[in-house]
Amino acid sequence: MAGVLTRLYTGTGAFDIVGRKRIWYIGFAVLVLICIGSIVFRGFNLGIDFTGGTQLQFPAATAAAPADVEAVRAVYEQALGFEPEAVQSAGSGDAASILIRSEALDPAQLITLKQALFDTFQPIGSGGTPAIDAISDSAVSGSWGGQITRQALIALGVFLVLVTIFLAFYFERAMALAALVALLHDVIVTAGIYSIIGFEVTPSTVIGLLTILGFSLYDTVVVFDKVKENTRGLLGLTRRTYAETANLAVNQTLIRSVNTSLFAVLPVVALMVIGVGLLGVGTLADLALVQMVGIIAGALSSLLLATPILVDLKMRDPRFQEQAQRVALRRRKAAVGA
């Protein structure tokens, strides 16, 4: 174990990441196919911001039974015979409230549900006494979520185009293409995991998905910058091939990528624990979950997918093929001489 940690921190190229690209390709391909299959056949668990529905809210301060999430859910199911889309607690202290989101309810169902909630919990109204008016309701249109999604898709397309242009000029076309493939992988996997597990997709989820793209791109750029540095003037040398030099660059940035990902995940975990667990802000869960999945997917694709793809693209160039042959020839001569 100590030897592995030493190699990890020294970055001497001891981990053959590029050489095992077939394993990574198969693993990533299977994961992407599973995610695409789930997206196509299973779809997403869309929140009422996309599908439309009814939202009810009342103060958590009650004169009867404690108004916790599970108790409210049980009253809802007993009153209407089906489960709500979501029940969340929001705020803290005197501002704490219970938020119920469900499919669209007709007036009769609303009256029944409000009466059942009032009879069970007796929420405190503005006058300081129990009042059924303390339970407010509103209709939620699915058009707003659709507008958010369209704007997000437009932003994603513009982002990908600008990223491709930037990488093509700052690095080269092969690196731009490899980074783009890794970036698309992160989007597909993050969306696919949401589909597989059945996390509710809200506008916060869509926004969170866009925020992880920057992290994924940053991690890939760090690795590619080291590859560019290591391979400068490589065609005139016979010490290492392009694949070996790129593998060394991955090893040299490996611990940095691991540390960056770890310290990026920790605030997200804190967001979930403090924001959701302590403060009861349920909407933070959507943002935190998508970021956590995206950060992990981005770190893996930057290390195990982007660089092997880059090496395959570069080795199509006859110049690098000839340089690899010269390296092999020099090693054979050195072995015969020894």
Protein backbone atom coordinates (compact mmCIF):
# COMPACT_ATOMS: atom_id res chain seq x y z
CA MET A 1 0.00 0.00 0.00
CA ALA A 2 2.83 2.37 0.89
CA GLY A 3 4.45 1.69 -2.50
CA VAL A 4 1.25 2.59 -4.33
CA LEU A 5 0.90 5.87 -2.43
CA THR A 6 4.55 6.70 -3.10
CA ARG A 7 4.10 6.16 -6.84
CA LEU A 8 0.89 8.16 -6.75
CA TYR A 9 2.53 11.19 -5.16
CA THR A 10 5.80 11.04 -7.13
CA GLY A 11 4.00 10.71 -10.49
CA THR A 12 6.78 8.66 -12.06
CA GLY A 13 4.57 7.03 -14.70
CA ALA A 14 4.25 3.77 -12.82
CA PHE A 15 0.50 3.49 -13.49
CA ASP A 16 -0.08 2.31 -17.05
CA ILE A 17 -3.29 4.22 -17.72
CA VAL A 18 -2.92 4.76 -21.46
CA GLY A 19 -1.69 1.20 -22.01
CA ARG A 20 -4.91 -0.16 -20.53
CA LYS A 21 -7.13 1.97 -22.72
CA ARG A 22 -9.06 -1.02 -24.03
CA ILE A 23 -10.33 -1.70 -20.49
CA TRP A 24 -11.37 1.94 -20.02
CA TYR A 25 -13.03 2.08 -23.45
CA ILE A 26 -15.09 -1.01 -22.75
CA GLY A 27 -16.07 0.20 -19.28
CA PHE A 28 -17.05 3.69 -20.45
CA ALA A 29 -18.87 2.32 -23.51
CA VAL A 30 -20.95 -0.06 -21.40
CA LEU A 31 -21.77 2.73 -18.92
CA VAL A 32 -22.76 5.17 -21.68
CA LEU A 33 -24.93 2.56 -23.43
CA ILE A 34 -26.70 1.73 -20.16
CA CYS A 35 -27.32 5.43 -19.52
CA ILE A 36 -28.58 6.08 -23.05
CA GLY A 37 -30.82 3.02 -22.82
CA SER A 38 -32.30 4.23 -19.55
CA ILE A 39 -32.84 7.73 -20.94
CA VAL A 40 -34.59 6.36 -24.05
CA PHE A 41 -36.70 3.59 -22.48
CA ARG A 42 -37.11 4.66 -18.85
CA GLY A 43 -37.03 8.42 -19.25
CA PHE A 44 -36.78 10.90 -16.39
CA ASN A 45 -38.73 11.48 -13.22
CA LEU A 46 -39.77 15.02 -14.11
CA GLY A 47 -40.85 17.35 -11.33
CA ILE A 48 -44.05 19.36 -11.52
CA ASP A 49 -42.08 22.34 -12.85
CA PHE A 50 -41.95 20.33 -16.11
CA THR A 51 -45.20 18.38 -15.95
CA GLY A 52 -47.43 20.89 -14.16
CA GLY A 53 -49.38 20.18 -10.98
CA THR A 54 -50.51 21.54 -7.62
CA GLN A 55 -48.41 22.90 -4.78
CA LEU A 56 -49.57 23.27 -1.18
CA GLN A 57 -47.70 24.94 1.65
CA PHE A 58 -48.44 25.48 5.33
CA PRO A 59 -46.47 26.45 8.46
CA ALA A 60 -44.71 23.64 10.30
CA ALA A 61 -45.89 25.27 13.55
CA THR A 62 -49.06 23.38 14.49
CA ALA A 63 -51.43 23.04 17.43
CA ALA A 64 -51.79 19.27 17.11
CA ALA A 65 -49.53 16.53 15.71
CA PRO A 66 -45.97 17.41 14.60
CA ALA A 67 -45.99 18.28 10.89
CA ASP A 68 -43.00 16.27 9.70
CA VAL A 69 -42.51 15.02 6.14
CA GLU A 70 -43.54 11.40 6.73
CA ALA A 71 -46.65 12.33 8.71
CA VAL A 72 -47.80 14.73 5.98
CA ARG A 73 -47.17 12.11 3.31
CA ALA A 74 -49.28 9.59 5.25
CA VAL A 75 -52.19 12.05 5.58
CA TYR A 76 -52.01 12.85 1.86
CA GLU A 77 -52.13 9.16 0.88
CA GLN A 78 -55.01 8.45 3.26
CA ALA A 79 -57.04 11.43 2.04
CA LEU A 80 -56.59 10.99 -1.73
CA GLY A 81 -55.52 7.36 -2.16
CA PHE A 82 -52.27 8.04 -4.02
CA GLU A 83 -48.82 9.38 -3.19
CA PRO A 84 -47.72 13.01 -3.67
CA GLU A 85 -44.90 13.83 -6.05
CA ALA A 86 -42.80 15.27 -3.23
CA VAL A 87 -43.10 16.42 0.37
CA GLN A 88 -40.34 18.68 1.66
CA SER A 89 -39.59 20.79 4.70
CA ALA A 90 -38.33 24.29 3.99
CA GLY A 91 -36.81 26.94 6.21
CA SER A 92 -36.10 26.71 9.92
CA GLY A 93 -37.36 28.08 13.20
CA ASP A 94 -40.49 30.21 13.01
CA ALA A 95 -40.19 30.34 9.21
CA ALA A 96 -40.27 26.55 8.82
CA SER A 97 -42.97 25.24 6.50
CA ILE A 98 -44.11 22.06 4.78
CA LEU A 99 -44.21 22.00 0.99
CA ILE A 100 -46.32 19.45 -0.91
CA ARG A 101 -46.05 18.95 -4.66
CA SER A 102 -48.45 16.69 -6.49
CA GLU A 103 -50.15 16.06 -9.77
CA ALA A 104 -52.88 18.52 -10.68
CA LEU A 105 -55.74 18.29 -8.17
CA ASP A 106 -59.32 19.28 -8.88
CA PRO A 107 -61.26 21.56 -6.47
CA ALA A 108 -62.94 18.63 -4.68
CA GLN A 109 -59.59 16.91 -4.06
CA LEU A 110 -58.10 20.18 -2.81
CA ILE A 111 -60.91 20.66 -0.30
CA THR A 112 -60.60 17.07 0.91
CA LEU A 113 -56.84 17.28 1.28
CA LYS A 114 -56.86 20.67 3.03
CA GLN A 115 -59.49 19.47 5.50
CA ALA A 116 -57.52 16.30 6.24
CA LEU A 117 -54.31 18.28 6.80
CA PHE A 118 -56.09 20.78 9.04
CA ASP A 119 -57.85 18.10 11.10
CA THR A 120 -54.56 16.28 11.67
CA PHE A 121 -52.07 19.11 12.19
CA GLN A 122 -54.10 22.32 12.80
CA PRO A 123 -51.42 24.66 11.38
CA ILE A 124 -51.12 28.06 13.03
CA GLY A 125 -52.37 30.95 10.89
CA SER A 126 -51.37 34.62 10.83
CA GLY A 127 -53.62 35.36 13.79
CA GLY A 128 -51.73 32.96 16.03
CA THR A 129 -54.57 30.42 16.10
CA PRO A 130 -55.24 27.28 14.01
CA ALA A 131 -56.79 28.20 10.66
CA ILE A 132 -57.44 26.24 7.50
CA ASP A 133 -56.48 29.35 5.54
CA ALA A 134 -52.91 28.73 6.70
CA ILE A 135 -52.78 26.00 4.05
CA SER A 136 -52.17 27.78 0.75
CA ASP A 137 -52.37 26.19 -2.70
CA SER A 138 -51.24 27.19 -6.17
CA ALA A 139 -51.27 25.70 -9.64
CA VAL A 140 -47.84 25.10 -11.19
CA SER A 141 -47.48 25.34 -14.97
CA GLY A 142 -45.12 22.98 -16.76
CA SER A 143 -44.20 25.67 -19.29
CA TRP A 144 -41.67 27.34 -16.98
CA GLY A 145 -39.63 24.15 -16.61
CA GLY A 146 -39.76 23.67 -20.36
CA GLN A 147 -38.42 27.19 -20.94
CA ILE A 148 -35.58 26.55 -18.48
CA THR A 149 -34.70 23.34 -20.33
CA ARG A 150 -34.70 25.01 -23.74
CA GLN A 151 -32.49 27.82 -22.49
CA ALA A 152 -30.18 25.28 -20.86
CA LEU A 153 -29.87 23.28 -24.08
CA ILE A 154 -29.06 26.45 -26.00
CA ALA A 155 -26.46 27.36 -23.39
CA LEU A 156 -25.00 23.84 -23.58
CA GLY A 157 -24.70 24.03 -27.37
CA VAL A 158 -23.03 27.45 -27.26
CA PHE A 159 -20.71 26.26 -24.49
CA LEU A 160 -19.60 23.19 -26.45
CA VAL A 161 -18.94 25.24 -29.60
CA LEU A 162 -16.90 27.85 -27.70
CA VAL A 163 -14.97 25.14 -25.82
CA THR A 164 -14.11 23.37 -29.06
CA ILE A 165 -12.86 26.59 -30.66
CA PHE A 166 -10.84 27.52 -27.56
CA LEU A 167 -9.18 24.12 -27.24
CA ALA A 168 -8.46 23.93 -30.97
CA PHE A 169 -6.58 27.24 -30.81
CA TYR A 170 -4.98 26.85 -27.37
CA PHE A 171 -3.98 23.22 -27.85
CA GLU A 172 -4.79 21.45 -31.13
CA ARG A 173 -7.72 19.80 -32.89
CA ALA A 174 -6.99 16.32 -31.50
CA MET A 175 -7.08 17.62 -27.93
CA ALA A 176 -10.26 19.58 -28.62
CA LEU A 177 -11.99 16.48 -29.97
CA ALA A 178 -10.83 14.30 -27.08
CA ALA A 179 -11.96 16.88 -24.51
CA LEU A 180 -15.33 17.20 -26.26
CA VAL A 181 -15.88 13.43 -26.14
CA ALA A 182 -15.06 13.40 -22.40
CA LEU A 183 -17.42 16.32 -21.84
CA LEU A 184 -20.29 14.61 -23.67
CA HIS A 185 -19.59 11.48 -21.64
CA ASP A 186 -20.04 13.46 -18.42
CA VAL A 187 -23.37 14.91 -19.56
CA ILE A 188 -24.74 11.55 -20.72
CA VAL A 189 -23.62 9.66 -17.61
CA THR A 190 -24.93 12.29 -15.20
CA ALA A 191 -28.29 12.41 -16.97
CA GLY A 192 -28.37 8.62 -17.27
CA ILE A 193 -27.74 8.05 -13.57
CA TYR A 194 -30.62 10.41 -12.78
CA SER A 195 -32.79 8.34 -15.09
CA ILE A 196 -31.65 4.99 -13.66
CA ILE A 197 -32.02 5.91 -9.99
CA GLY A 198 -35.15 7.97 -10.55
CA PHE A 199 -34.01 11.24 -8.98
CA GLU A 200 -36.56 13.97 -9.56
CA VAL A 201 -35.47 16.35 -12.31
CA THR A 202 -36.12 19.99 -11.47
CA PRO A 203 -34.86 23.29 -12.93
CA SER A 204 -32.16 23.14 -10.23
CA THR A 205 -31.02 19.84 -11.69
CA VAL A 206 -30.72 21.34 -15.17
CA ILE A 207 -28.76 24.31 -13.85
CA GLY A 208 -26.54 22.02 -11.78
CA LEU A 209 -25.77 19.95 -14.87
CA LEU A 210 -24.39 23.04 -16.60
CA THR A 211 -22.19 23.93 -13.62
CA ILE A 212 -20.31 20.61 -13.71
CA LEU A 213 -19.16 21.15 -17.29
CA GLY A 214 -16.68 23.78 -16.19
CA PHE A 215 -15.18 21.46 -13.60
CA SER A 216 -14.87 18.60 -16.07
CA LEU A 217 -13.25 20.85 -18.65
CA TYR A 218 -10.81 22.27 -16.08
CA ASP A 219 -9.62 18.80 -15.09
CA THR A 220 -9.11 17.79 -18.72
CA VAL A 221 -7.24 21.01 -19.55
CA VAL A 222 -4.85 20.43 -16.62
CA VAL A 223 -3.95 16.98 -17.96
CA PHE A 224 -3.66 18.15 -21.57
CA ASP A 225 -1.49 21.09 -20.60
CA LYS A 226 0.98 18.64 -19.05
CA VAL A 227 0.78 16.41 -22.13
CA LYS A 228 1.54 19.41 -24.32
CA GLU A 229 4.52 20.31 -22.14
CA ASN A 230 5.92 16.78 -22.09
CA THR A 231 5.52 16.17 -25.83
CA ARG A 232 7.12 19.43 -26.98
CA GLY A 233 9.90 18.47 -29.44
CA LEU A 234 9.07 14.78 -29.09
CA LEU A 235 9.43 13.99 -32.81
CA GLY A 236 13.16 14.63 -32.58
CA LEU A 237 13.65 12.35 -29.55
CA THR A 238 13.77 8.58 -29.13
CA ARG A 239 13.43 8.22 -25.36
CA ARG A 240 9.65 7.73 -25.20
CA THR A 241 6.76 7.33 -27.61
CA TYR A 242 3.82 9.73 -27.64
CA ALA A 243 1.71 7.20 -25.74
CA GLU A 244 4.35 6.79 -23.03
CA THR A 245 4.86 10.54 -22.72
CA ALA A 246 1.11 11.14 -22.44
CA ASN A 247 0.87 8.38 -19.84
CA LEU A 248 3.63 10.08 -17.83
CA ALA A 249 1.67 13.36 -17.99
CA VAL A 250 -1.44 11.63 -16.61
CA ASN A 251 0.62 10.18 -13.75
CA GLN A 252 2.15 13.57 -13.01
CA THR A 253 -1.29 15.20 -12.73
CA LEU A 254 -3.03 12.20 -11.15
CA ILE A 255 -2.70 13.22 -7.52
CA ARG A 256 -3.71 16.79 -8.38
CA SER A 257 -6.84 15.56 -10.12
CA VAL A 258 -7.70 13.26 -7.22
CA ASN A 259 -7.20 16.03 -4.67
CA THR A 260 -9.16 18.54 -6.76
CA SER A 261 -12.08 16.13 -7.14
CA LEU A 262 -12.01 15.23 -3.45
CA PHE A 263 -12.06 18.83 -2.29
CA ALA A 264 -14.73 19.67 -4.85
CA VAL A 265 -16.98 16.87 -3.56
CA LEU A 266 -16.61 17.83 0.11
CA PRO A 267 -18.49 21.18 -0.21
CA VAL A 268 -21.21 19.39 -2.16
CA VAL A 269 -21.57 16.85 0.65
CA ALA A 270 -21.70 19.75 3.11
CA LEU A 271 -24.40 21.35 0.96
CA MET A 272 -26.48 18.20 1.22
CA VAL A 273 -25.90 17.65 4.94
CA ILE A 274 -26.32 21.25 6.09
CA GLY A 275 -28.69 22.62 3.46
CA VAL A 276 -30.97 19.60 3.24
CA GLY A 277 -30.47 17.81 6.54
CA LEU A 278 -30.28 20.76 8.92
CA LEU A 279 -31.90 23.70 7.14
CA GLY A 280 -34.46 21.60 5.31
CA VAL A 281 -34.04 23.33 1.95
CA GLY A 282 -35.14 20.49 -0.31
CA THR A 283 -34.27 22.26 -3.55
CA LEU A 284 -30.58 22.12 -2.60
CA ALA A 285 -30.70 18.32 -2.85
CA ASP A 286 -31.34 18.52 -6.61
CA LEU A 287 -28.37 20.85 -7.10
CA ALA A 288 -26.04 18.88 -4.83
CA LEU A 289 -26.85 15.46 -6.31
CA VAL A 290 -26.20 16.46 -9.91
CA GLN A 291 -22.95 18.15 -8.92
CA MET A 292 -21.71 15.13 -7.00
CA VAL A 293 -22.41 12.73 -9.86
CA GLY A 294 -20.94 15.16 -12.39
CA ILE A 295 -17.73 15.77 -10.43
CA ILE A 296 -17.03 12.04 -10.10
CA ALA A 297 -17.84 11.36 -13.76
CA GLY A 298 -15.72 14.33 -14.86
CA ALA A 299 -12.69 13.22 -12.85
CA LEU A 300 -12.84 9.68 -14.25
CA SER A 301 -13.29 10.78 -17.86
CA SER A 302 -10.46 13.31 -17.63
CA LEU A 303 -8.00 10.70 -16.38
CA LEU A 304 -9.11 7.49 -18.06
CA LEU A 305 -10.89 8.54 -21.25
CA ALA A 306 -9.69 11.87 -22.64
CA THR A 307 -5.95 11.10 -22.79
CA PRO A 308 -6.28 7.59 -24.33
CA ILE A 309 -8.54 9.07 -27.02
CA LEU A 310 -5.97 11.80 -27.62
CA VAL A 311 -3.20 9.19 -28.00
CA ASP A 312 -5.27 7.20 -30.52
CA LEU A 313 -5.91 10.35 -32.56
CA LYS A 314 -2.26 11.42 -32.51
CA MET A 315 -0.96 7.98 -33.43
CA ARG A 316 -2.87 8.22 -36.70
CA ASP A 317 -0.23 10.74 -37.71
CA PRO A 318 2.58 9.01 -39.68
CA ARG A 319 5.16 11.23 -37.99
CA PHE A 320 4.35 9.85 -34.55
CA GLN A 321 4.19 6.32 -35.95
CA GLU A 322 7.70 6.74 -37.34
CA GLN A 323 8.92 8.21 -34.06
CA ALA A 324 7.50 5.20 -32.18
CA GLN A 325 9.36 2.89 -34.57
CA ARG A 326 12.62 4.77 -33.92
CA VAL A 327 12.07 4.40 -30.16
CA ALA A 328 11.50 0.66 -30.56
CA LEU A 329 14.60 0.35 -32.77
CA ARG A 330 16.80 2.18 -30.27
CA ARG A 331 15.57 -0.07 -27.46
CA ARG A 332 16.28 -3.21 -29.48
CA LYS A 333 19.80 -2.00 -30.18
CA ALA A 334 20.29 -1.18 -26.49
CA ALA A 335 19.06 -4.64 -25.52
CA VAL A 336 21.43 -6.35 -28.00
CA GLY A 337 24.34 -4.23 -26.77
CA ALA A 338 23.60 -5.12 -23.17
